[in-house]
C-alpha atoms as a PDB file:
ATOM      1  CA  MET A   1     -25.375 211.871 159.607  1.00  0.00           C
ATOM      2  CA  ASP A   2     -22.409 209.643 160.596  1.00  0.00           C
ATOM      3  CA  LEU A   3     -23.099 205.932 161.063  1.00  0.00           C
ATOM      4  CA  ALA A   4     -19.464 204.874 161.020  1.00  0.00           C
ATOM      5  CA  GLY A   5     -19.527 203.926 164.709  1.00  0.00           C
ATOM      6  CA  PRO A   6     -21.242 200.530 164.271  1.00  0.00           C
ATOM      7  CA  GLY A   7     -18.611 199.553 161.668  1.00  0.00           C
ATOM      8  CA  LEU A   8     -20.849 199.830 158.630  1.00  0.00           C
ATOM      9  CA  SER A   9     -19.471 200.111 155.139  1.00  0.00           C
ATOM     10  CA  PRO A  10     -20.170 203.474 153.449  1.00  0.00           C
ATOM     11  CA  GLU A  11     -22.629 201.708 151.147  1.00  0.00           C
ATOM     12  CA  ALA A  12     -24.539 200.148 154.050  1.00  0.00           C
ATOM     13  CA  ALA A  13     -24.623 203.452 155.954  1.00  0.00           C
ATOM     14  CA  GLU A  14     -25.994 205.236 152.895  1.00  0.00           C
ATOM     15  CA  ARG A  15     -28.641 202.559 152.400  1.00  0.00           C
ATOM     16  CA  LEU A  16     -29.787 202.953 156.012  1.00  0.00           C
ATOM     17  CA  LEU A  17     -30.001 206.718 155.678  1.00  0.00           C
ATOM     18  CA  ARG A  18     -32.135 206.228 152.566  1.00  0.00           C
ATOM     19  CA  TRP A  19     -34.385 203.904 154.574  1.00  0.00           C
ATOM     20  CA  MET A  20     -34.661 206.550 157.274  1.00  0.00           C
ATOM     21  CA  ALA A  21     -35.736 209.082 154.657  1.00  0.00           C
ATOM     22  CA  ALA A  22     -38.325 206.633 153.280  1.00  0.00           C
ATOM     23  CA  VAL A  23     -39.763 205.971 156.745  1.00  0.00           C
ATOM     24  CA  ARG A  24     -39.933 209.664 157.603  1.00  0.00           C
ATOM     25  CA  GLU A  25     -41.684 210.412 154.312  1.00  0.00           C
ATOM     26  CA  ALA A  26     -44.177 207.549 154.696  1.00  0.00           C
ATOM     27  CA  ASN A  27     -44.781 208.609 158.279  1.00  0.00           C
ATOM     28  CA  ARG A  28     -46.603 211.659 156.966  1.00  0.00           C
ATOM     29  CA  HIS A  29     -49.562 209.454 156.024  1.00  0.00           C
ATOM     30  CA  MET A  30     -48.874 206.210 157.959  1.00  0.00           C
ATOM     31  CA  ASN A  31     -48.437 205.569 161.666  1.00  0.00           C
ATOM     32  CA  LEU A  32     -44.929 204.108 161.510  1.00  0.00           C
ATOM     33  CA  THR A  33     -43.062 205.890 164.281  1.00  0.00           C
ATOM     34  CA  ALA A  34     -43.507 208.680 166.802  1.00  0.00           C
ATOM     35  CA  ILE A  35     -39.888 209.722 166.232  1.00  0.00           C
ATOM     36  CA  ASN A  36     -39.327 212.070 163.329  1.00  0.00           C
ATOM     37  CA  ASP A  37     -36.348 214.200 164.401  1.00  0.00           C
ATOM     38  CA  GLU A  38     -33.333 213.008 162.400  1.00  0.00           C
ATOM     39  CA  ASP A  39     -30.839 212.761 165.267  1.00  0.00           C
ATOM     40  CA  ALA A  40     -33.351 210.986 167.502  1.00  0.00           C
ATOM     41  CA  PHE A  41     -34.261 208.641 164.638  1.00  0.00           C
ATOM     42  CA  VAL A  42     -30.635 207.645 164.096  1.00  0.00           C
ATOM     43  CA  ARG A  43     -30.104 207.054 167.821  1.00  0.00           C
ATOM     44  CA  ASP A  44     -33.409 205.406 168.751  1.00  0.00           C
ATOM     45  CA  HIS A  45     -34.007 203.355 165.613  1.00  0.00           C
ATOM     46  CA  LEU A  46     -30.819 202.784 163.618  1.00  0.00           C
ATOM     47  CA  LEU A  47     -28.185 202.656 166.364  1.00  0.00           C
ATOM     48  CA  ASP A  48     -30.568 200.864 168.728  1.00  0.00           C
ATOM     49  CA  ALA A  49     -31.013 198.113 166.141  1.00  0.00           C
ATOM     50  CA  LEU A  50     -27.326 197.901 165.256  1.00  0.00           C
ATOM     51  CA  ALA A  51     -26.368 197.553 168.931  1.00  0.00           C
ATOM     52  CA  ALA A  52     -27.437 193.897 168.731  1.00  0.00           C
ATOM     53  CA  LEU A  53     -24.947 192.984 166.002  1.00  0.00           C
ATOM     54  CA  PRO A  54     -22.393 191.470 168.427  1.00  0.00           C
ATOM     55  CA  LEU A  55     -25.092 189.074 169.647  1.00  0.00           C
ATOM     56  CA  LEU A  56     -25.940 187.735 166.199  1.00  0.00           C
ATOM     57  CA  PRO A  57     -24.274 184.873 164.325  1.00  0.00           C
ATOM     58  CA  ALA A  58     -22.219 185.506 161.201  1.00  0.00           C
ATOM     59  CA  GLY A  59     -24.822 183.733 159.078  1.00  0.00           C
ATOM     60  CA  GLY A  60     -28.173 181.970 159.285  1.00  0.00           C
ATOM     61  CA  SER A  61     -31.820 182.993 159.333  1.00  0.00           C
ATOM     62  CA  VAL A  62     -33.387 185.781 161.390  1.00  0.00           C
ATOM     63  CA  CYS A  63     -37.043 186.756 161.849  1.00  0.00           C
ATOM     64  CA  ASP A  64     -37.937 190.290 162.972  1.00  0.00           C
ATOM     65  CA  VAL A  65     -41.248 189.758 164.781  1.00  0.00           C
ATOM     66  CA  GLY A  66     -43.606 192.744 164.608  1.00  0.00           C
ATOM     67  CA  SER A  67     -41.282 194.662 162.315  1.00  0.00           C
ATOM     68  CA  GLY A  68     -43.410 197.808 162.040  1.00  0.00           C
ATOM     69  CA  ALA A  69     -41.235 200.391 160.283  1.00  0.00           C
ATOM     70  CA  GLY A  70     -38.481 197.816 159.788  1.00  0.00           C
ATOM     71  CA  PHE A  71     -36.679 197.925 163.120  1.00  0.00           C
ATOM     72  CA  PRO A  72     -34.551 196.149 164.051  1.00  0.00           C
ATOM     73  CA  GLY A  73     -34.751 193.922 160.954  1.00  0.00           C
ATOM     74  CA  VAL A  74     -33.779 196.350 158.202  1.00  0.00           C
ATOM     75  CA  PRO A  75     -30.610 197.682 159.887  1.00  0.00           C
ATOM     76  CA  ILE A  76     -29.578 194.127 160.777  1.00  0.00           C
ATOM     77  CA  GLY A  77     -30.177 192.893 157.236  1.00  0.00           C
ATOM     78  CA  VAL A  78     -28.292 195.807 155.695  1.00  0.00           C
ATOM     79  CA  ALA A  79     -25.360 195.563 158.113  1.00  0.00           C
ATOM     80  CA  ARG A  80     -25.105 191.758 157.889  1.00  0.00           C
ATOM     81  CA  PRO A  81     -25.986 190.690 154.326  1.00  0.00           C
ATOM     82  CA  ALA A  82     -24.903 187.117 155.136  1.00  0.00           C
ATOM     83  CA  LEU A  83     -27.917 186.859 157.448  1.00  0.00           C
ATOM     84  CA  ARG A  84     -31.229 185.912 155.837  1.00  0.00           C
ATOM     85  CA  VAL A  85     -33.535 188.413 157.540  1.00  0.00           C
ATOM     86  CA  THR A  86     -37.323 188.111 157.198  1.00  0.00           C
ATOM     87  CA  LEU A  87     -39.647 190.892 158.351  1.00  0.00           C
ATOM     88  CA  LEU A  88     -42.861 189.637 160.002  1.00  0.00           C
ATOM     89  CA  GLU A  89     -45.657 192.222 160.139  1.00  0.00           C
ATOM     90  CA  SER A  90     -49.398 191.717 160.621  1.00  0.00           C
ATOM     91  CA  SER A  91     -50.514 195.041 159.096  1.00  0.00           C
ATOM     92  CA  ARG A  92     -50.896 194.663 155.339  1.00  0.00           C
ATOM     93  CA  ARG A  93     -50.299 198.354 154.761  1.00  0.00           C
ATOM     94  CA  LYS A  94     -47.040 198.263 156.704  1.00  0.00           C
ATOM     95  CA  ALA A  95     -46.031 195.003 155.028  1.00  0.00           C
ATOM     96  CA  VAL A  96     -46.416 196.630 151.611  1.00  0.00           C
ATOM     97  CA  PHE A  97     -44.212 199.497 152.783  1.00  0.00           C
ATOM     98  CA  LEU A  98     -41.611 197.080 154.194  1.00  0.00           C
ATOM     99  CA  ALA A  99     -41.293 195.372 150.809  1.00  0.00           C
ATOM    100  CA  GLY A 100     -39.411 198.489 149.714  1.00  0.00           C
ATOM    101  CA  SER A 101     -36.551 197.471 152.000  1.00  0.00           C
ATOM    102  CA  GLY A 102     -35.532 194.682 149.659  1.00  0.00           C
ATOM    103  CA  LEU A 103     -35.855 192.088 152.451  1.00  0.00           C
ATOM    104  CA  PRO A 104     -38.410 189.243 152.468  1.00  0.00           C
ATOM    105  CA  VAL A 105     -41.672 190.195 154.176  1.00  0.00           C
ATOM    106  CA  VAL A 106     -44.332 187.907 155.670  1.00  0.00           C
ATOM    107  CA  CYS A 107     -47.700 189.523 156.363  1.00  0.00           C
ATOM    108  CA  ALA A 108     -49.222 187.452 159.183  1.00  0.00           C
ATOM    109  CA  ARG A 109     -50.015 187.463 162.865  1.00  0.00           C
ATOM    110  CA  ALA A 110     -47.113 186.046 164.854  1.00  0.00           C
ATOM    111  CA  GLU A 111     -49.478 183.526 166.461  1.00  0.00           C
ATOM    112  CA  ASP A 112     -50.620 182.197 163.077  1.00  0.00           C
ATOM    113  CA  TYR A 113     -47.124 182.131 161.622  1.00  0.00           C
ATOM    114  CA  GLY A 114     -45.771 180.405 164.725  1.00  0.00           C
ATOM    115  CA  ARG A 115     -48.420 177.682 164.459  1.00  0.00           C
ATOM    116  CA  GLY A 116     -47.842 177.255 160.744  1.00  0.00           C
ATOM    117  CA  ALA A 117     -45.122 177.935 158.188  1.00  0.00           C
ATOM    118  CA  GLY A 118     -42.801 179.789 160.562  1.00  0.00           C
ATOM    119  CA  ARG A 119     -42.686 177.227 163.357  1.00  0.00           C
ATOM    120  CA  ASP A 120     -39.134 176.156 164.346  1.00  0.00           C
ATOM    121  CA  LEU A 121     -37.899 177.851 161.160  1.00  0.00           C
ATOM    122  CA  TYR A 122     -35.346 180.441 162.271  1.00  0.00           C
ATOM    123  CA  ASP A 123     -31.928 180.398 163.871  1.00  0.00           C
ATOM    124  CA  VAL A 124     -32.717 183.689 165.615  1.00  0.00           C
ATOM    125  CA  ALA A 125     -35.920 185.652 166.213  1.00  0.00           C
ATOM    126  CA  VAL A 126     -35.691 189.287 167.295  1.00  0.00           C
ATOM    127  CA  SER A 127     -38.332 191.689 168.532  1.00  0.00           C
ATOM    128  CA  ARG A 128     -38.265 195.324 169.531  1.00  0.00           C
ATOM    129  CA  ALA A 129     -42.046 195.559 169.843  1.00  0.00           C
ATOM    130  CA  ALA A 130     -43.596 197.066 172.946  1.00  0.00           C
ATOM    131  CA  ALA A 131     -45.427 193.895 174.039  1.00  0.00           C
ATOM    132  CA  PRO A 132     -44.987 192.879 177.682  1.00  0.00           C
ATOM    133  CA  LEU A 133     -42.191 190.372 178.182  1.00  0.00           C
ATOM    134  CA  ALA A 134     -44.382 187.308 178.747  1.00  0.00           C
ATOM    135  CA  VAL A 135     -46.369 188.098 175.602  1.00  0.00           C
ATOM    136  CA  ALA A 136     -43.270 188.749 173.488  1.00  0.00           C
ATOM    137  CA  LEU A 137     -41.716 185.440 174.530  1.00  0.00           C
ATOM    138  CA  GLU A 138     -44.830 183.483 173.584  1.00  0.00           C
ATOM    139  CA  LEU A 139     -44.931 185.128 170.154  1.00  0.00           C
ATOM    140  CA  VAL A 140     -41.221 184.847 169.390  1.00  0.00           C
ATOM    141  CA  LEU A 141     -39.980 181.510 170.745  1.00  0.00           C
ATOM    142  CA  PRO A 142     -42.192 179.200 168.620  1.00  0.00           C
ATOM    143  CA  LEU A 143     -40.478 180.636 165.533  1.00  0.00           C
ATOM    144  CA  VAL A 144     -37.016 179.627 166.763  1.00  0.00           C
ATOM    145  CA  ARG A 145     -35.568 176.192 166.044  1.00  0.00           C
ATOM    146  CA  PRO A 146     -34.275 174.162 169.005  1.00  0.00           C
ATOM    147  CA  GLY A 147     -30.701 175.306 169.508  1.00  0.00           C
ATOM    148  CA  GLY A 148     -31.527 178.816 168.291  1.00  0.00           C
ATOM    149  CA  GLN A 149     -32.042 182.079 170.125  1.00  0.00           C
ATOM    150  CA  ALA A 150     -34.549 184.831 170.731  1.00  0.00           C
ATOM    151  CA  ILE A 151     -33.281 188.376 171.305  1.00  0.00           C
ATOM    152  CA  LEU A 152     -35.616 190.955 172.815  1.00  0.00           C
ATOM    153  CA  TRP A 153     -34.918 194.692 173.171  1.00  0.00           C
ATOM    154  CA  LEU A 154     -35.819 195.882 176.664  1.00  0.00           C
ATOM    155  CA  GLY A 155     -35.799 199.060 178.695  1.00  0.00           C
ATOM    156  CA  ARG A 156     -35.313 199.248 182.428  1.00  0.00           C
ATOM    157  CA  PRO A 157     -36.017 196.014 184.350  1.00  0.00           C
ATOM    158  CA  ALA A 158     -39.375 195.317 185.912  1.00  0.00           C
ATOM    159  CA  GLU A 159     -39.477 194.114 189.503  1.00  0.00           C
ATOM    160  CA  ASP A 160     -40.822 190.660 188.580  1.00  0.00           C
ATOM    161  CA  GLU A 161     -38.846 190.220 185.358  1.00  0.00           C
ATOM    162  CA  GLU A 162     -36.725 187.249 186.422  1.00  0.00           C
ATOM    163  CA  ALA A 163     -39.763 185.391 187.731  1.00  0.00           C
ATOM    164  CA  VAL A 164     -41.628 186.028 184.470  1.00  0.00           C
ATOM    165  CA  VAL A 165     -38.682 184.814 182.393  1.00  0.00           C
ATOM    166  CA  ALA A 166     -38.233 181.647 184.455  1.00  0.00           C
ATOM    167  CA  ARG A 167     -41.940 180.805 184.362  1.00  0.00           C
ATOM    168  CA  VAL A 168     -42.589 181.535 180.701  1.00  0.00           C
ATOM    169  CA  CYS A 169     -39.378 180.170 179.218  1.00  0.00           C
ATOM    170  CA  GLY A 170     -39.882 176.861 180.996  1.00  0.00           C
ATOM    171  CA  GLN A 171     -43.255 176.447 179.306  1.00  0.00           C
ATOM    172  CA  LEU A 172     -41.982 177.379 175.841  1.00  0.00           C
ATOM    173  CA  GLY A 173     -38.910 175.153 175.510  1.00  0.00           C
ATOM    174  CA  ALA A 174     -36.222 177.619 176.598  1.00  0.00           C
ATOM    175  CA  ARG A 175     -33.802 176.959 179.435  1.00  0.00           C
ATOM    176  CA  GLU A 176     -31.205 179.756 179.407  1.00  0.00           C
ATOM    177  CA  ALA A 177     -32.019 183.475 179.479  1.00  0.00           C
ATOM    178  CA  ARG A 178     -29.484 186.204 180.150  1.00  0.00           C
ATOM    179  CA  VAL A 179     -29.347 189.971 180.099  1.00  0.00           C
ATOM    180  CA  VAL A 180     -26.783 191.758 177.928  1.00  0.00           C
ATOM    181  CA  ALA A 181     -26.162 195.472 178.230  1.00  0.00           C
ATOM    182  CA  SER A 182     -26.682 197.724 175.230  1.00  0.00           C
ATOM    183  CA  PRO A 183     -24.220 200.556 174.572  1.00  0.00           C
ATOM    184  CA  LEU A 184     -27.213 202.900 174.496  1.00  0.00           C
ATOM    185  CA  PRO A 185     -28.371 204.329 177.836  1.00  0.00           C
ATOM    186  CA  GLY A 186     -31.471 202.720 179.320  1.00  0.00           C
ATOM    187  CA  ARG A 187     -31.450 199.824 176.845  1.00  0.00           C
ATOM    188  CA  ARG A 188     -30.531 196.173 177.221  1.00  0.00           C
ATOM    189  CA  PHE A 189     -31.157 192.815 175.597  1.00  0.00           C
ATOM    190  CA  ARG A 190     -32.754 189.647 176.889  1.00  0.00           C
ATOM    191  CA  VAL A 191     -31.097 186.721 175.083  1.00  0.00           C
ATOM    192  CA  VAL A 192     -32.989 183.434 175.360  1.00  0.00           C
ATOM    193  CA  ASP A 193     -31.546 180.086 174.269  1.00  0.00           C
ATOM    194  CA  LYS A 194     -34.150 177.611 173.057  1.00  0.00           C
ATOM    195  CA  SER A 195     -33.227 174.055 173.929  1.00  0.00           C
ATOM    196  CA  VAL A 196     -36.240 171.950 172.876  1.00  0.00           C
ATOM    197  CA  ALA A 197     -39.290 172.343 170.658  1.00  0.00           C
ATOM    198  CA  THR A 198     -42.069 174.569 171.976  1.00  0.00           C
ATOM    199  CA  PRO A 199     -45.115 172.463 172.977  1.00  0.00           C
ATOM    200  CA  PRO A 200     -47.760 172.351 170.216  1.00  0.00           C
ATOM    201  CA  ARG A 201     -50.314 174.322 172.237  1.00  0.00           C
ATOM    202  CA  TYR A 202     -48.150 177.463 171.951  1.00  0.00           C
ATOM    203  CA  PRO A 203     -48.501 180.081 170.690  1.00  0.00           C
ATOM    204  CA  ARG A 204     -52.144 180.304 171.609  1.00  0.00           C
ATOM    205  CA  ARG A 205     -54.764 181.832 169.305  1.00  0.00           C
ATOM    206  CA  PRO A 206     -54.326 185.470 168.218  1.00  0.00           C
ATOM    207  CA  GLY A 207     -54.879 187.853 171.101  1.00  0.00           C
ATOM    208  CA  VAL A 208     -54.907 185.230 173.861  1.00  0.00           C
ATOM    209  CA  ALA A 209     -51.328 185.884 174.981  1.00  0.00           C
ATOM    210  CA  ALA A 210     -52.091 189.572 175.474  1.00  0.00           C
ATOM    211  CA  ARG A 211     -55.342 188.866 177.355  1.00  0.00           C
ATOM    212  CA  ARG A 212     -53.998 186.015 179.466  1.00  0.00           C
ATOM    213  CA  PRO A 213     -50.194 186.196 179.709  1.00  0.00           C
ATOM    214  CA  LEU A 214     -48.438 183.034 180.825  1.00  0.00           C
END
């Protein structure tokens, strides 16, 4: 399978294909991904993750929030070794699997990590999880230092998306939020610039953001 398009070195491309094989094998006894076809896996996991590379800095720290099977964090970390990528995953079983990627792994709920050791820690936080936008922003932005960015993978826009972004970002310390097109059909990025520290009351306790979105 050719991964030359994103500009990867042969060594990085081979490492990502080995990760794909590891995920597909583990998926036989773990719920890591619903995608198992090789071509679909490359497109929907590897290339989808690598599409964000132009948005990322040359160096610095990145947190992949809700990493799951390692996407987008593992492809980003492999493609950009100068970035210090940490995989954040609440499931201990998945966190143990992610340790095989060679990247640092934190096993914690995003709410707990964002109220504790991870608060204001990262230059960039990324998330490709399926949480609604308001929930994802509350989980991701507390991990970003003032002056840093959050990057969220999104599908097609919701009717109230701009209103949600304006309302939620204002409460969480972010002032600028823009949409950037992905080269993959039906995909785009929401890039949020964090200008000041998130108020101490956020993120709320585990589960509250999902039950009562901002």
